[in-house]
């Protein structure tokens, strides 16, 4: 009779060591926390023309029309798709919304903006039914 030295084979479940996995997760978490910017607001950099005079009282409700150095338009900090007068008129109408009262338009144009861009902006505002237009300037003695 042949006797076998083999014992019944017991199945063991594989041990999973999760320590390296936890290390990797923490490293990823630290990487994303360091590389993420939480409060970065983009602002337009324009150099306002200078003028002497007293600042006007600031109005609560107004439409802000910004024109950058290249002649691109921004209505309430949102860039207008192109520089067409009709497109700008539609953007101003959209900013006016359902309000029946006429809001003032404040044009903030860079000092080096082409003159045609400012005239086109005034034309678009007039076609949108906005006739209270003012210009934003920096004080002559202020340093930028």
C-alpha atoms as a PDB file:
ATOM      1  CA  UNK A   1       0.000   0.000   0.000  1.00  0.00           C
ATOM      2  CA  UNK A   2       1.254   3.318  -0.957  1.00  0.00           C
ATOM      3  CA  UNK A   3       0.871   5.994   1.537  1.00  0.00           C
ATOM      4  CA  UNK A   4       0.984   9.545   0.562  1.00  0.00           C
ATOM      5  CA  UNK A   5       2.529  12.196   2.553  1.00  0.00           C
ATOM      6  CA  UNK A   6       0.207  14.797   1.134  1.00  0.00           C
ATOM      7  CA  UNK A   7      -2.117  16.562   3.388  1.00  0.00           C
ATOM      8  CA  UNK A   8      -5.385  17.966   2.231  1.00  0.00           C
ATOM      9  CA  UNK A   9      -4.693  21.311   0.610  1.00  0.00           C
ATOM     10  CA  UNK A  10      -6.298  24.220   2.389  1.00  0.00           C
ATOM     11  CA  UNK A  11      -7.026  27.303   0.394  1.00  0.00           C
ATOM     12  CA  UNK A  12      -5.773  30.488   1.873  1.00  0.00           C
ATOM     13  CA  UNK A  13      -7.199  33.806   0.819  1.00  0.00           C
ATOM     14  CA  UNK A  14      -4.496  36.117  -0.467  1.00  0.00           C
ATOM     15  CA  UNK A  15      -3.479  38.872   1.852  1.00  0.00           C
ATOM     16  CA  UNK A  16      -3.895  42.318   0.382  1.00  0.00           C
ATOM     17  CA  UNK A  17      -1.653  44.936   1.826  1.00  0.00           C
ATOM     18  CA  UNK A  18      -3.418  48.295   1.380  1.00  0.00           C
ATOM     19  CA  UNK A  19      -0.693  50.425   2.953  1.00  0.00           C
ATOM     20  CA  UNK A  20       0.931  51.319  -0.417  1.00  0.00           C
ATOM     21  CA  UNK A  21      -2.505  52.138  -1.818  1.00  0.00           C
ATOM     22  CA  UNK A  22      -3.181  54.539   1.045  1.00  0.00           C
ATOM     23  CA  UNK A  23       0.227  56.158   0.478  1.00  0.00           C
ATOM     24  CA  UNK A  24      -0.540  56.707  -3.191  1.00  0.00           C
ATOM     25  CA  UNK A  25      -3.972  58.187  -2.427  1.00  0.00           C
ATOM     26  CA  UNK A  26      -2.469  60.622   0.070  1.00  0.00           C
ATOM     27  CA  UNK A  27       0.234  61.639  -2.400  1.00  0.00           C
ATOM     28  CA  UNK A  28      -2.411  62.298  -5.062  1.00  0.00           C
ATOM     29  CA  UNK A  29      -4.474  64.286  -2.586  1.00  0.00           C
ATOM     30  CA  UNK A  30      -1.481  66.432  -1.651  1.00  0.00           C
ATOM     31  CA  UNK A  31      -0.584  66.937  -5.327  1.00  0.00           C
ATOM     32  CA  UNK A  32      -4.071  68.156  -6.228  1.00  0.00           C
ATOM     33  CA  UNK A  33      -4.301  70.392  -3.166  1.00  0.00           C
ATOM     34  CA  UNK A  34      -0.993  72.073  -4.001  1.00  0.00           C
ATOM     35  CA  UNK A  35      -1.614  72.436  -7.735  1.00  0.00           C
ATOM     36  CA  UNK A  36      -5.203  73.696  -7.548  1.00  0.00           C
ATOM     37  CA  UNK A  37      -5.936  77.403  -7.374  1.00  0.00           C
ATOM     38  CA  UNK A  38      -9.033  78.032  -5.347  1.00  0.00           C
ATOM     39  CA  UNK A  39      -9.781  81.713  -5.775  1.00  0.00           C
ATOM     40  CA  UNK A  40      -8.257  82.982  -8.966  1.00  0.00           C
ATOM     41  CA  UNK A  41     -10.402  85.551 -10.678  1.00  0.00           C
ATOM     42  CA  UNK A  42      -9.459  86.744 -14.080  1.00  0.00           C
ATOM     43  CA  UNK A  43      -9.661  90.452 -14.622  1.00  0.00           C
ATOM     44  CA  UNK A  44      -9.114  92.518 -17.689  1.00  0.00           C
ATOM     45  CA  UNK A  45      -5.992  94.625 -17.689  1.00  0.00           C
ATOM     46  CA  UNK A  46      -6.776  97.975 -19.260  1.00  0.00           C
ATOM     47  CA  UNK A  47      -5.059 101.299 -18.851  1.00  0.00           C
ATOM     48  CA  UNK A  48      -7.729 103.969 -18.509  1.00  0.00           C
ATOM     49  CA  UNK A  49      -7.181 107.386 -20.028  1.00  0.00           C
ATOM     50  CA  UNK A  50      -6.446 110.121 -17.499  1.00  0.00           C
ATOM     51  CA  UNK A  51      -8.640 113.149 -16.819  1.00  0.00           C
ATOM     52  CA  UNK A  52      -9.031 115.823 -14.167  1.00  0.00           C
ATOM     53  CA  UNK A  53     -12.334 116.054 -12.415  1.00  0.00           C
ATOM     54  CA  UNK A  54     -14.327 114.669  -9.572  1.00  0.00           C
ATOM     55  CA  UNK A  55     -15.591 111.102  -9.708  1.00  0.00           C
ATOM     56  CA  UNK A  56     -19.309 110.746 -10.282  1.00  0.00           C
ATOM     57  CA  UNK A  57     -21.522 109.021  -7.755  1.00  0.00           C
ATOM     58  CA  UNK A  58     -21.440 105.308  -8.466  1.00  0.00           C
ATOM     59  CA  UNK A  59     -24.714 103.867  -9.670  1.00  0.00           C
ATOM     60  CA  UNK A  60     -25.982 100.572  -8.322  1.00  0.00           C
ATOM     61  CA  UNK A  61     -27.375  99.187 -11.553  1.00  0.00           C
ATOM     62  CA  UNK A  62     -25.409  99.741 -14.712  1.00  0.00           C
ATOM     63  CA  UNK A  63     -24.055  97.940 -17.734  1.00  0.00           C
ATOM     64  CA  UNK A  64     -20.275  97.757 -17.795  1.00  0.00           C
ATOM     65  CA  UNK A  65     -18.840  97.834 -21.322  1.00  0.00           C
ATOM     66  CA  UNK A  66     -15.072  97.289 -21.423  1.00  0.00           C
ATOM     67  CA  UNK A  67     -12.926  97.686 -24.539  1.00  0.00           C
ATOM     68  CA  UNK A  68      -9.386  96.316 -24.423  1.00  0.00           C
ATOM     69  CA  UNK A  69      -6.284  97.466 -26.279  1.00  0.00           C
ATOM     70  CA  UNK A  70      -7.084  95.300 -29.336  1.00  0.00           C
ATOM     71  CA  UNK A  71     -10.656  96.603 -29.611  1.00  0.00           C
ATOM     72  CA  UNK A  72     -12.397  93.508 -28.170  1.00  0.00           C
ATOM     73  CA  UNK A  73     -15.619  94.134 -26.255  1.00  0.00           C
ATOM     74  CA  UNK A  74     -16.648  92.791 -22.842  1.00  0.00           C
ATOM     75  CA  UNK A  75     -20.166  93.310 -21.491  1.00  0.00           C
ATOM     76  CA  UNK A  76     -20.314  92.849 -17.718  1.00  0.00           C
ATOM     77  CA  UNK A  77     -16.933  91.025 -17.795  1.00  0.00           C
ATOM     78  CA  UNK A  78     -18.070  88.537 -20.487  1.00  0.00           C
ATOM     79  CA  UNK A  79     -16.303  88.689 -23.832  1.00  0.00           C
ATOM     80  CA  UNK A  80     -18.468  89.404 -26.861  1.00  0.00           C
ATOM     81  CA  UNK A  81     -18.015  86.825 -29.622  1.00  0.00           C
ATOM     82  CA  UNK A  82     -16.811  89.294 -32.273  1.00  0.00           C
ATOM     83  CA  UNK A  83     -16.398  93.025 -32.801  1.00  0.00           C
ATOM     84  CA  UNK A  84     -19.487  93.473 -34.976  1.00  0.00           C
ATOM     85  CA  UNK A  85     -21.762  96.352 -33.961  1.00  0.00           C
ATOM     86  CA  UNK A  86     -24.829  94.100 -34.328  1.00  0.00           C
ATOM     87  CA  UNK A  87     -23.328  91.425 -32.071  1.00  0.00           C
ATOM     88  CA  UNK A  88     -22.467  94.057 -29.460  1.00  0.00           C
ATOM     89  CA  UNK A  89     -26.002  95.472 -29.670  1.00  0.00           C
ATOM     90  CA  UNK A  90     -27.448  92.003 -28.996  1.00  0.00           C
ATOM     91  CA  UNK A  91     -25.074  91.531 -26.045  1.00  0.00           C
ATOM     92  CA  UNK A  92     -26.150  94.884 -24.587  1.00  0.00           C
ATOM     93  CA  UNK A  93     -29.830  93.980 -25.064  1.00  0.00           C
ATOM     94  CA  UNK A  94     -29.195  90.674 -23.280  1.00  0.00           C
ATOM     95  CA  UNK A  95     -27.471  92.496 -20.399  1.00  0.00           C
ATOM     96  CA  UNK A  96     -30.450  94.876 -20.183  1.00  0.00           C
ATOM     97  CA  UNK A  97     -32.741  91.861 -19.902  1.00  0.00           C
ATOM     98  CA  UNK A  98     -36.400  92.400 -19.148  1.00  0.00           C
ATOM     99  CA  UNK A  99     -35.841  95.678 -17.321  1.00  0.00           C
ATOM    100  CA  UNK A 100     -37.868  98.407 -18.857  1.00  0.00           C
ATOM    101  CA  UNK A 101     -35.950 101.119 -17.048  1.00  0.00           C
ATOM    102  CA  UNK A 102     -33.000 102.459 -18.954  1.00  0.00           C
ATOM    103  CA  UNK A 103     -29.716 101.504 -17.359  1.00  0.00           C
ATOM    104  CA  UNK A 104     -26.641 103.676 -17.769  1.00  0.00           C
ATOM    105  CA  UNK A 105     -23.746 102.252 -19.758  1.00  0.00           C
ATOM    106  CA  UNK A 106     -20.236 102.855 -18.445  1.00  0.00           C
ATOM    107  CA  UNK A 107     -17.598 102.457 -21.155  1.00  0.00           C
ATOM    108  CA  UNK A 108     -14.146 101.575 -19.821  1.00  0.00           C
ATOM    109  CA  UNK A 109     -11.820 101.747 -22.797  1.00  0.00           C
ATOM    110  CA  UNK A 110      -8.075 101.213 -22.705  1.00  0.00           C
ATOM    111  CA  UNK A 111      -6.137 104.394 -23.428  1.00  0.00           C
ATOM    112  CA  UNK A 112      -4.694 102.743 -26.553  1.00  0.00           C
ATOM    113  CA  UNK A 113      -8.001 101.426 -27.892  1.00  0.00           C
ATOM    114  CA  UNK A 114      -8.682 102.357 -31.512  1.00  0.00           C
ATOM    115  CA  UNK A 115     -11.080 105.307 -31.704  1.00  0.00           C
ATOM    116  CA  UNK A 116     -13.335 103.345 -34.086  1.00  0.00           C
ATOM    117  CA  UNK A 117     -13.962 100.719 -31.382  1.00  0.00           C
ATOM    118  CA  UNK A 118     -15.266 103.364 -28.987  1.00  0.00           C
ATOM    119  CA  UNK A 119     -17.485 104.946 -31.662  1.00  0.00           C
ATOM    120  CA  UNK A 120     -18.833 101.496 -32.600  1.00  0.00           C
ATOM    121  CA  UNK A 121     -19.597 100.807 -28.934  1.00  0.00           C
ATOM    122  CA  UNK A 122     -21.528 104.071 -28.646  1.00  0.00           C
ATOM    123  CA  UNK A 123     -23.403 103.247 -31.858  1.00  0.00           C
ATOM    124  CA  UNK A 124     -24.327  99.767 -30.578  1.00  0.00           C
ATOM    125  CA  UNK A 125     -25.543 101.212 -27.273  1.00  0.00           C
ATOM    126  CA  UNK A 126     -27.702 103.738 -29.129  1.00  0.00           C
ATOM    127  CA  UNK A 127     -29.174 101.003 -31.331  1.00  0.00           C
ATOM    128  CA  UNK A 128     -29.929  98.965 -28.188  1.00  0.00           C
ATOM    129  CA  UNK A 129     -31.901 101.905 -26.778  1.00  0.00           C
ATOM    130  CA  UNK A 130     -29.291 102.853 -24.184  1.00  0.00           C
ATOM    131  CA  UNK A 131     -28.650 106.574 -24.269  1.00  0.00           C
ATOM    132  CA  UNK A 132     -27.137 107.278 -20.830  1.00  0.00           C
ATOM    133  CA  UNK A 133     -23.471 106.657 -21.618  1.00  0.00           C
ATOM    134  CA  UNK A 134     -20.492 107.668 -19.512  1.00  0.00           C
ATOM    135  CA  UNK A 135     -16.787 106.946 -19.723  1.00  0.00           C
ATOM    136  CA  UNK A 136     -14.544 105.586 -17.020  1.00  0.00           C
ATOM    137  CA  UNK A 137     -11.196 107.341 -16.573  1.00  0.00           C
ATOM    138  CA  UNK A 138      -8.337 107.359 -14.099  1.00  0.00           C
ATOM    139  CA  UNK A 139      -7.453 110.526 -12.227  1.00  0.00           C
ATOM    140  CA  UNK A 140      -4.605 112.451 -13.790  1.00  0.00           C
ATOM    141  CA  UNK A 141      -2.419 112.243 -10.658  1.00  0.00           C
ATOM    142  CA  UNK A 142      -2.999 108.541  -9.952  1.00  0.00           C
ATOM    143  CA  UNK A 143      -0.141 106.163 -10.698  1.00  0.00           C
ATOM    144  CA  UNK A 144      -0.870 102.801 -12.238  1.00  0.00           C
END
